[in-house]
Amino acid sequence: MEKTLNIGSIASSLFGLIAIAIGIINMFWGNDPFYGIFIFLLALVYFPPVAAFVERIVGRPIPLLAKVLLGAFILWTALGVGELFDKIELMLKNF
C-alpha cells in the first residue's frame, strides 16, 4: 500500500503542532496545567497516525466538521479565556 501526503494531512498536522504548542505553553506557564494537558491530548487527533488509530478502533473516520469545531474551540479558549499572549510573554521573560 502506497502512502501519499496530501494537503489535508499536512494542514491537519500543522494545526496539530500549533495546538500542541498551545498545550505546552499552558502546561508550564499557565495557572492551570490540566488545561494544557487537555489541549495537548485534543491536539493529537489532528495527526494522521492517531486519526487512523481512532478510525480503526471506532470504525469510522473523524469527521472534518468535528475537527474544524474542535480547532475553533482550541483557538477560542487559548486566545480568549486562556490568555495565550500573556503566557507567551511570561515564557519569553524566562528565557
PDB file of N, CA and C in Angstrom:
ATOM      1  N   MET A   1       0.836  -1.169   0.000  1.00  0.00           N
ATOM      2  CA  MET A   1       0.000   0.000   0.000  1.00  0.00           C
ATOM      3  C   MET A   1       0.892   1.248   0.000  1.00  0.00           C
ATOM      4  N   GLU A   2       0.659   2.106  -0.949  1.00  0.00           N
ATOM      5  CA  GLU A   2       1.477   3.300  -1.105  1.00  0.00           C
ATOM      6  C   GLU A   2       0.942   4.424  -0.220  1.00  0.00           C
ATOM      7  N   LYS A   3       1.828   5.054   0.521  1.00  0.00           N
ATOM      8  CA  LYS A   3       1.459   6.174   1.384  1.00  0.00           C
ATOM      9  C   LYS A   3       1.744   7.471   0.632  1.00  0.00           C
ATOM     10  N   THR A   4       0.753   8.359   0.604  1.00  0.00           N
ATOM     11  CA  THR A   4       0.957   9.649  -0.035  1.00  0.00           C
ATOM     12  C   THR A   4       0.560  10.756   0.925  1.00  0.00           C
ATOM     13  N   LEU A   5       1.213  11.881   0.783  1.00  0.00           N
ATOM     14  CA  LEU A   5       0.858  13.061   1.566  1.00  0.00           C
ATOM     15  C   LEU A   5      -0.086  13.915   0.745  1.00  0.00           C
ATOM     16  N   ASN A   6      -1.110  14.410   1.382  1.00  0.00           N
ATOM     17  CA  ASN A   6      -1.990  15.338   0.697  1.00  0.00           C
ATOM     18  C   ASN A   6      -2.081  16.619   1.509  1.00  0.00           C
ATOM     19  N   ILE A   7      -2.653  17.629   0.918  1.00  0.00           N
ATOM     20  CA  ILE A   7      -2.737  18.942   1.554  1.00  0.00           C
ATOM     21  C   ILE A   7      -3.509  18.862   2.863  1.00  0.00           C
ATOM     22  N   GLY A   8      -4.555  18.059   2.914  1.00  0.00           N
ATOM     23  CA  GLY A   8      -5.355  17.933   4.129  1.00  0.00           C
ATOM     24  C   GLY A   8      -4.566  17.381   5.302  1.00  0.00           C
ATOM     25  N   SER A   9      -3.764  16.357   5.065  1.00  0.00           N
ATOM     26  CA  SER A   9      -2.989  15.781   6.165  1.00  0.00           C
ATOM     27  C   SER A   9      -1.866  16.706   6.600  1.00  0.00           C
ATOM     28  N   ILE A  10      -1.295  17.457   5.654  1.00  0.00           N
ATOM     29  CA  ILE A  10      -0.254  18.416   6.016  1.00  0.00           C
ATOM     30  C   ILE A  10      -0.850  19.550   6.847  1.00  0.00           C
ATOM     31  N   ALA A  11      -1.985  20.089   6.411  1.00  0.00           N
ATOM     32  CA  ALA A  11      -2.638  21.172   7.151  1.00  0.00           C
ATOM     33  C   ALA A  11      -3.079  20.691   8.529  1.00  0.00           C
ATOM     34  N   SER A  12      -3.597  19.485   8.588  1.00  0.00           N
ATOM     35  CA  SER A  12      -4.029  18.929   9.865  1.00  0.00           C
ATOM     36  C   SER A  12      -2.851  18.761  10.815  1.00  0.00           C
ATOM     37  N   SER A  13      -1.739  18.269  10.300  1.00  0.00           N
ATOM     38  CA  SER A  13      -0.548  18.102  11.134  1.00  0.00           C
ATOM     39  C   SER A  13       0.015  19.440  11.603  1.00  0.00           C
ATOM     40  N   LEU A  14       0.003  20.436  10.724  1.00  0.00           N
ATOM     41  CA  LEU A  14       0.486  21.763  11.120  1.00  0.00           C
ATOM     42  C   LEU A  14      -0.384  22.358  12.222  1.00  0.00           C
ATOM     43  N   PHE A  15      -1.707  22.231  12.087  1.00  0.00           N
ATOM     44  CA  PHE A  15      -2.573  22.733  13.146  1.00  0.00           C
ATOM     45  C   PHE A  15      -2.362  21.927  14.425  1.00  0.00           C
ATOM     46  N   GLY A  16      -2.126  20.632  14.288  1.00  0.00           N
ATOM     47  CA  GLY A  16      -1.834  19.807  15.452  1.00  0.00           C
ATOM     48  C   GLY A  16      -0.591  20.284  16.182  1.00  0.00           C
ATOM     49  N   LEU A  17       0.439  20.662  15.435  1.00  0.00           N
ATOM     50  CA  LEU A  17       1.660  21.190  16.049  1.00  0.00           C
ATOM     51  C   LEU A  17       1.398  22.509  16.767  1.00  0.00           C
ATOM     52  N   ILE A  18       0.585  23.373  16.163  1.00  0.00           N
ATOM     53  CA  ILE A  18       0.229  24.637  16.811  1.00  0.00           C
ATOM     54  C   ILE A  18      -0.548  24.378  18.097  1.00  0.00           C
ATOM     55  N   ALA A  19      -1.494  23.462  18.038  1.00  0.00           N
ATOM     56  CA  ALA A  19      -2.297  23.148  19.222  1.00  0.00           C
ATOM     57  C   ALA A  19      -1.441  22.499  20.314  1.00  0.00           C
ATOM     58  N   ILE A  20      -0.491  21.673  19.935  1.00  0.00           N
ATOM     59  CA  ILE A  20       0.412  21.075  20.924  1.00  0.00           C
ATOM     60  C   ILE A  20       1.265  22.164  21.575  1.00  0.00           C
ATOM     61  N   ALA A  21       1.726  23.123  20.781  1.00  0.00           N
ATOM     62  CA  ALA A  21       2.494  24.238  21.345  1.00  0.00           C
ATOM     63  C   ALA A  21       1.639  25.029  22.335  1.00  0.00           C
ATOM     64  N   ILE A  22       0.378  25.247  21.999  1.00  0.00           N
ATOM     65  CA  ILE A  22      -0.543  25.935  22.911  1.00  0.00           C
ATOM     66  C   ILE A  22      -0.685  25.135  24.199  1.00  0.00           C
ATOM     67  N   GLY A  23      -0.814  23.825  24.066  1.00  0.00           N
ATOM     68  CA  GLY A  23      -0.929  22.974  25.247  1.00  0.00           C
ATOM     69  C   GLY A  23       0.315  23.013  26.117  1.00  0.00           C
ATOM     70  N   ILE A  24       1.482  22.972  25.501  1.00  0.00           N
ATOM     71  CA  ILE A  24       2.736  23.004  26.272  1.00  0.00           C
ATOM     72  C   ILE A  24       2.901  24.346  26.980  1.00  0.00           C
ATOM     73  N   ILE A  25       2.590  25.432  26.291  1.00  0.00           N
ATOM     74  CA  ILE A  25       2.675  26.749  26.923  1.00  0.00           C
ATOM     75  C   ILE A  25       1.757  26.815  28.132  1.00  0.00           C
ATOM     76  N   ASN A  26       0.552  26.296  27.997  1.00  0.00           N
ATOM     77  CA  ASN A  26      -0.392  26.328  29.114  1.00  0.00           C
ATOM     78  C   ASN A  26       0.001  25.371  30.229  1.00  0.00           C
ATOM     79  N   MET A  27       0.690  24.304  29.905  1.00  0.00           N
ATOM     80  CA  MET A  27       1.128  23.377  30.952  1.00  0.00           C
ATOM     81  C   MET A  27       2.175  24.006  31.861  1.00  0.00           C
ATOM     82  N   PHE A  28       3.109  24.735  31.266  1.00  0.00           N
ATOM     83  CA  PHE A  28       4.255  25.196  32.032  1.00  0.00           C
ATOM     84  C   PHE A  28       4.210  26.669  32.428  1.00  0.00           C
ATOM     85  N   TRP A  29       3.462  27.504  31.708  1.00  0.00           N
ATOM     86  CA  TRP A  29       3.438  28.926  32.029  1.00  0.00           C
ATOM     87  C   TRP A  29       2.047  29.427  32.367  1.00  0.00           C
ATOM     88  N   GLY A  30       1.109  28.556  32.495  1.00  0.00           N
ATOM     89  CA  GLY A  30      -0.236  28.970  32.846  1.00  0.00           C
ATOM     90  C   GLY A  30      -0.530  28.671  34.300  1.00  0.00           C
ATOM     91  N   ASN A  31      -1.695  29.080  34.724  1.00  0.00           N
ATOM     92  CA  ASN A  31      -2.091  28.795  36.092  1.00  0.00           C
ATOM     93  C   ASN A  31      -2.947  27.535  36.185  1.00  0.00           C
ATOM     94  N   ASP A  32      -3.133  26.855  35.059  1.00  0.00           N
ATOM     95  CA  ASP A  32      -3.914  25.624  35.043  1.00  0.00           C
ATOM     96  C   ASP A  32      -3.233  24.592  34.141  1.00  0.00           C
ATOM     97  N   PRO A  33      -2.311  23.798  34.699  1.00  0.00           N
ATOM     98  CA  PRO A  33      -1.600  22.835  33.855  1.00  0.00           C
ATOM     99  C   PRO A  33      -2.516  21.747  33.293  1.00  0.00           C
ATOM    100  N   PHE A  34      -3.635  21.468  33.954  1.00  0.00           N
ATOM    101  CA  PHE A  34      -4.549  20.443  33.448  1.00  0.00           C
ATOM    102  C   PHE A  34      -5.227  20.893  32.159  1.00  0.00           C
ATOM    103  N   TYR A  35      -5.452  22.195  32.020  1.00  0.00           N
ATOM    104  CA  TYR A  35      -5.975  22.735  30.759  1.00  0.00           C
ATOM    105  C   TYR A  35      -4.963  22.490  29.641  1.00  0.00           C
ATOM    106  N   GLY A  36      -3.683  22.709  29.930  1.00  0.00           N
ATOM    107  CA  GLY A  36      -2.641  22.459  28.939  1.00  0.00           C
ATOM    108  C   GLY A  36      -2.577  20.998  28.527  1.00  0.00           C
ATOM    109  N   ILE A  37      -2.698  20.111  29.496  1.00  0.00           N
ATOM    110  CA  ILE A  37      -2.705  18.670  29.192  1.00  0.00           C
ATOM    111  C   ILE A  37      -3.919  18.321  28.342  1.00  0.00           C
ATOM    112  N   PHE A  38      -5.070  18.906  28.680  1.00  0.00           N
ATOM    113  CA  PHE A  38      -6.308  18.673  27.932  1.00  0.00           C
ATOM    114  C   PHE A  38      -6.149  19.106  26.480  1.00  0.00           C
ATOM    115  N   ILE A  39      -5.604  20.292  26.259  1.00  0.00           N
ATOM    116  CA  ILE A  39      -5.399  20.788  24.894  1.00  0.00           C
ATOM    117  C   ILE A  39      -4.376  19.920  24.159  1.00  0.00           C
ATOM    118  N   PHE A  40      -3.316  19.529  24.859  1.00  0.00           N
ATOM    119  CA  PHE A  40      -2.298  18.661  24.262  1.00  0.00           C
ATOM    120  C   PHE A  40      -2.927  17.360  23.767  1.00  0.00           C
ATOM    121  N   LEU A  41      -3.757  16.747  24.594  1.00  0.00           N
ATOM    122  CA  LEU A  41      -4.388  15.482  24.212  1.00  0.00           C
ATOM    123  C   LEU A  41      -5.384  15.670  23.070  1.00  0.00           C
ATOM    124  N   LEU A  42      -6.148  16.772  23.093  1.00  0.00           N
ATOM    125  CA  LEU A  42      -7.078  17.036  21.994  1.00  0.00           C
ATOM    126  C   LEU A  42      -6.344  17.245  20.680  1.00  0.00           C
ATOM    127  N   ALA A  43      -5.158  17.840  20.748  1.00  0.00           N
ATOM    128  CA  ALA A  43      -4.388  18.131  19.537  1.00  0.00           C
ATOM    129  C   ALA A  43      -3.925  16.868  18.825  1.00  0.00           C
ATOM    130  N   LEU A  44      -3.854  15.782  19.527  1.00  0.00           N
ATOM    131  CA  LEU A  44      -3.358  14.547  18.916  1.00  0.00           C
ATOM    132  C   LEU A  44      -4.260  14.045  17.794  1.00  0.00           C
ATOM    133  N   VAL A  45      -5.562  14.374  17.815  1.00  0.00           N
ATOM    134  CA  VAL A  45      -6.461  13.885  16.765  1.00  0.00           C
ATOM    135  C   VAL A  45      -6.156  14.489  15.404  1.00  0.00           C
ATOM    136  N   TYR A  46      -5.333  15.537  15.365  1.00  0.00           N
ATOM    137  CA  TYR A  46      -5.006  16.172  14.093  1.00  0.00           C
ATOM    138  C   TYR A  46      -3.871  15.474  13.351  1.00  0.00           C
ATOM    139  N   PHE A  47      -3.221  14.517  13.972  1.00  0.00           N
ATOM    140  CA  PHE A  47      -2.132  13.809  13.321  1.00  0.00           C
ATOM    141  C   PHE A  47      -2.670  12.550  12.636  1.00  0.00           C
ATOM    142  N   PRO A  48      -2.317  12.339  11.365  1.00  0.00           N
ATOM    143  CA  PRO A  48      -2.862  11.208  10.608  1.00  0.00           C
ATOM    144  C   PRO A  48      -2.700   9.836  11.275  1.00  0.00           C
ATOM    145  N   PRO A  49      -1.573   9.501  11.905  1.00  0.00           N
ATOM    146  CA  PRO A  49      -1.496   8.187  12.537  1.00  0.00           C
ATOM    147  C   PRO A  49      -2.499   8.014  13.684  1.00  0.00           C
ATOM    148  N   VAL A  50      -2.707   9.067  14.453  1.00  0.00           N
ATOM    149  CA  VAL A  50      -3.675   8.993  15.554  1.00  0.00           C
ATOM    150  C   VAL A  50      -5.089   8.917  14.993  1.00  0.00           C
ATOM    151  N   ALA A  51      -5.358   9.702  13.956  1.00  0.00           N
ATOM    152  CA  ALA A  51      -6.678   9.658  13.324  1.00  0.00           C
ATOM    153  C   ALA A  51      -6.948   8.266  12.743  1.00  0.00           C
ATOM    154  N   ALA A  52      -5.936   7.639  12.148  1.00  0.00           N
ATOM    155  CA  ALA A  52      -6.095   6.282  11.606  1.00  0.00           C
ATOM    156  C   ALA A  52      -6.335   5.279  12.731  1.00  0.00           C
ATOM    157  N   PHE A  53      -5.650   5.460  13.852  1.00  0.00           N
ATOM    158  CA  PHE A  53      -5.856   4.582  15.008  1.00  0.00           C
ATOM    159  C   PHE A  53      -7.287   4.707  15.535  1.00  0.00           C
ATOM    160  N   VAL A  54      -7.767   5.940  15.655  1.00  0.00           N
ATOM    161  CA  VAL A  54      -9.146   6.164  16.118  1.00  0.00           C
ATOM    162  C   VAL A  54     -10.126   5.544  15.137  1.00  0.00           C
ATOM    163  N   GLU A  55      -9.857   5.687  13.845  1.00  0.00           N
ATOM    164  CA  GLU A  55     -10.734   5.094  12.831  1.00  0.00           C
ATOM    165  C   GLU A  55     -10.757   3.575  12.944  1.00  0.00           C
ATOM    166  N   ARG A  56      -9.593   2.970  13.216  1.00  0.00           N
ATOM    167  CA  ARG A  56      -9.543   1.518  13.378  1.00  0.00           C
ATOM    168  C   ARG A  56     -10.351   1.070  14.592  1.00  0.00           C
ATOM    169  N   ILE A  57     -10.261   1.821  15.678  1.00  0.00           N
ATOM    170  CA  ILE A  57     -10.962   1.453  16.909  1.00  0.00           C
ATOM    171  C   ILE A  57     -12.465   1.676  16.773  1.00  0.00           C
ATOM    172  N   VAL A  58     -12.859   2.859  16.267  1.00  0.00           N
ATOM    173  CA  VAL A  58     -14.268   3.244  16.204  1.00  0.00           C
ATOM    174  C   VAL A  58     -14.956   2.658  14.970  1.00  0.00           C
ATOM    175  N   GLY A  59     -14.203   2.517  13.904  1.00  0.00           N
ATOM    176  CA  GLY A  59     -14.787   2.000  12.673  1.00  0.00           C
ATOM    177  C   GLY A  59     -15.208   3.095  11.709  1.00  0.00           C
ATOM    178  N   ARG A  60     -15.054   4.354  12.102  1.00  0.00           N
ATOM    179  CA  ARG A  60     -15.404   5.489  11.247  1.00  0.00           C
ATOM    180  C   ARG A  60     -14.332   6.560  11.402  1.00  0.00           C
ATOM    181  N   PRO A  61     -14.055   7.299  10.338  1.00  0.00           N
ATOM    182  CA  PRO A  61     -13.074   8.387  10.465  1.00  0.00           C
ATOM    183  C   PRO A  61     -13.655   9.552  11.267  1.00  0.00           C
ATOM    184  N   ILE A  62     -12.767  10.386  11.792  1.00  0.00           N
ATOM    185  CA  ILE A  62     -13.202  11.587  12.497  1.00  0.00           C
ATOM    186  C   ILE A  62     -13.711  12.568  11.443  1.00  0.00           C
ATOM    187  N   PRO A  63     -14.955  13.030  11.563  1.00  0.00           N
ATOM    188  CA  PRO A  63     -15.495  13.943  10.545  1.00  0.00           C
ATOM    189  C   PRO A  63     -14.737  15.267  10.494  1.00  0.00           C
ATOM    190  N   LEU A  64     -14.621  15.819   9.308  1.00  0.00           N
ATOM    191  CA  LEU A  64     -13.939  17.091   9.121  1.00  0.00           C
ATOM    192  C   LEU A  64     -14.600  18.188   9.950  1.00  0.00           C
ATOM    193  N   LEU A  65     -15.923  18.203   9.999  1.00  0.00           N
ATOM    194  CA  LEU A  65     -16.637  19.210  10.784  1.00  0.00           C
ATOM    195  C   LEU A  65     -16.259  19.126  12.254  1.00  0.00           C
ATOM    196  N   ALA A  66     -16.086  17.923  12.770  1.00  0.00           N
ATOM    197  CA  ALA A  66     -15.684  17.757  14.174  1.00  0.00           C
ATOM    198  C   ALA A  66     -14.291  18.329  14.403  1.00  0.00           C
ATOM    199  N   LYS A  67     -13.375  18.116  13.454  1.00  0.00           N
ATOM    200  CA  LYS A  67     -12.023  18.665  13.585  1.00  0.00           C
ATOM    201  C   LYS A  67     -12.035  20.190  13.511  1.00  0.00           C
ATOM    202  N   VAL A  68     -12.853  20.743  12.621  1.00  0.00           N
ATOM    203  CA  VAL A  68     -12.945  22.199  12.494  1.00  0.00           C
ATOM    204  C   VAL A  68     -13.519  22.800  13.771  1.00  0.00           C
ATOM    205  N   LEU A  69     -14.585  22.211  14.303  1.00  0.00           N
ATOM    206  CA  LEU A  69     -15.177  22.717  15.543  1.00  0.00           C
ATOM    207  C   LEU A  69     -14.222  22.572  16.721  1.00  0.00           C
ATOM    208  N   LEU A  70     -13.503  21.473  16.778  1.00  0.00           N
ATOM    209  CA  LEU A  70     -12.514  21.277  17.835  1.00  0.00           C
ATOM    210  C   LEU A  70     -11.388  22.304  17.722  1.00  0.00           C
ATOM    211  N   GLY A  71     -10.947  22.581  16.509  1.00  0.00           N
ATOM    212  CA  GLY A  71      -9.920  23.598  16.295  1.00  0.00           C
ATOM    213  C   GLY A  71     -10.408  24.980  16.702  1.00  0.00           C
ATOM    214  N   ALA A  72     -11.654  25.302  16.374  1.00  0.00           N
ATOM    215  CA  ALA A  72     -12.217  26.589  16.789  1.00  0.00           C
ATOM    216  C   ALA A  72     -12.288  26.673  18.312  1.00  0.00           C
ATOM    217  N   PHE A  73     -12.656  25.575  18.949  1.00  0.00           N
ATOM    218  CA  PHE A  73     -12.713  25.539  20.417  1.00  0.00           C
ATOM    219  C   PHE A  73     -11.324  25.759  21.020  1.00  0.00           C
ATOM    220  N   ILE A  74     -10.324  25.088  20.472  1.00  0.00           N
ATOM    221  CA  ILE A  74      -8.963  25.233  20.989  1.00  0.00           C
ATOM    222  C   ILE A  74      -8.485  26.671  20.841  1.00  0.00           C
ATOM    223  N   LEU A  75      -8.680  27.260  19.660  1.00  0.00           N
ATOM    224  CA  LEU A  75      -8.241  28.635  19.454  1.00  0.00           C
ATOM    225  C   LEU A  75      -9.022  29.617  20.313  1.00  0.00           C
ATOM    226  N   TRP A  76     -10.325  29.415  20.427  1.00  0.00           N
ATOM    227  CA  TRP A  76     -11.169  30.315  21.220  1.00  0.00           C
ATOM    228  C   TRP A  76     -10.755  30.287  22.691  1.00  0.00           C
ATOM    229  N   THR A  77     -10.569  29.097  23.229  1.00  0.00           N
ATOM    230  CA  THR A  77     -10.203  29.026  24.641  1.00  0.00           C
ATOM    231  C   THR A  77      -8.775  29.502  24.878  1.00  0.00           C
ATOM    232  N   ALA A  78      -7.873  29.242  23.950  1.00  0.00           N
ATOM    233  CA  ALA A  78      -6.477  29.649  24.142  1.00  0.00           C
ATOM    234  C   ALA A  78      -6.308  31.159  24.003  1.00  0.00           C
ATOM    235  N   LEU A  79      -6.951  31.747  23.019  1.00  0.00           N
ATOM    236  CA  LEU A  79      -6.777  33.174  22.777  1.00  0.00           C
ATOM    237  C   LEU A  79      -7.658  34.028  23.675  1.00  0.00           C
ATOM    238  N   GLY A  80      -8.838  33.561  23.973  1.00  0.00           N
ATOM    239  CA  GLY A  80      -9.762  34.346  24.784  1.00  0.00           C
ATOM    240  C   GLY A  80      -9.616  34.070  26.257  1.00  0.00           C
ATOM    241  N   VAL A  81     -10.083  32.930  26.667  1.00  0.00           N
ATOM    242  CA  VAL A  81     -10.099  32.572  28.083  1.00  0.00           C
ATOM    243  C   VAL A  81      -8.700  32.264  28.596  1.00  0.00           C
ATOM    244  N   GLY A  82      -7.893  31.605  27.787  1.00  0.00           N
ATOM    245  CA  GLY A  82      -6.580  31.155  28.227  1.00  0.00           C
ATOM    246  C   GLY A  82      -5.495  32.212  28.225  1.00  0.00           C
ATOM    247  N   GLU A  83      -5.766  33.394  27.658  1.00  0.00           N
ATOM    248  CA  GLU A  83      -4.808  34.500  27.620  1.00  0.00           C
ATOM    249  C   GLU A  83      -3.440  34.037  27.099  1.00  0.00           C
ATOM    250  N   LEU A  84      -3.451  33.451  25.932  1.00  0.00           N
ATOM    251  CA  LEU A  84      -2.245  32.858  25.358  1.00  0.00           C
ATOM    252  C   LEU A  84      -1.108  33.871  25.202  1.00  0.00           C
ATOM    253  N   PHE A  85      -1.410  35.073  24.739  1.00  0.00           N
ATOM    254  CA  PHE A  85      -0.347  36.045  24.502  1.00  0.00           C
ATOM    255  C   PHE A  85       0.332  36.474  25.793  1.00  0.00           C
ATOM    256  N   ASP A  86      -0.418  36.561  26.890  1.00  0.00           N
ATOM    257  CA  ASP A  86       0.192  36.870  28.181  1.00  0.00           C
ATOM    258  C   ASP A  86       1.125  35.752  28.625  1.00  0.00           C
ATOM    259  N   LYS A  87       0.733  34.521  28.365  1.00  0.00           N
ATOM    260  CA  LYS A  87       1.567  33.375  28.741  1.00  0.00           C
ATOM    261  C   LYS A  87       2.820  33.292  27.883  1.00  0.00           C
ATOM    262  N   ILE A  88       2.695  33.656  26.612  1.00  0.00           N
ATOM    263  CA  ILE A  88       3.881  33.688  25.747  1.00  0.00           C
ATOM    264  C   ILE A  88       4.849  34.749  26.235  1.00  0.00           C
ATOM    265  N   GLU A  89       4.322  35.889  26.666  1.00  0.00           N
ATOM    266  CA  GLU A  89       5.176  36.936  27.221  1.00  0.00           C
ATOM    267  C   GLU A  89       5.894  36.452  28.473  1.00  0.00           C
ATOM    268  N   LEU A  90       5.193  35.738  29.354  1.00  0.00           N
ATOM    269  CA  LEU A  90       5.832  35.164  30.532  1.00  0.00           C
ATOM    270  C   LEU A  90       6.916  34.168  30.152  1.00  0.00           C
ATOM    271  N   MET A  91       6.622  33.351  29.147  1.00  0.00           N
ATOM    272  CA  MET A  91       7.576  32.350  28.682  1.00  0.00           C
ATOM    273  C   MET A  91       8.841  33.024  28.166  1.00  0.00           C
ATOM    274  N   LEU A  92       8.687  34.093  27.387  1.00  0.00           N
ATOM    275  CA  LEU A  92       9.847  34.778  26.821  1.00  0.00           C
ATOM    276  C   LEU A  92      10.666  35.481  27.886  1.00  0.00           C
ATOM    277  N   LYS A  93      10.029  35.926  28.958  1.00  0.00           N
ATOM    278  CA  LYS A  93      10.764  36.546  30.059  1.00  0.00           C
ATOM    279  C   LYS A  93      11.643  35.534  30.775  1.00  0.00           C
ATOM    280  N   ASN A  94      11.231  34.280  30.780  1.00  0.00           N
ATOM    281  CA  ASN A  94      12.015  33.230  31.438  1.00  0.00           C
ATOM    282  C   ASN A  94      13.277  32.869  30.667  1.00  0.00           C
ATOM    283  N   PHE A  95      13.300  33.177  29.360  1.00  0.00           N
ATOM    284  CA  PHE A  95      14.475  32.835  28.557  1.00  0.00           C
ATOM    285  C   PHE A  95      15.344  34.003  28.450  1.00  0.00           C
TER     286      PHE A  95
END
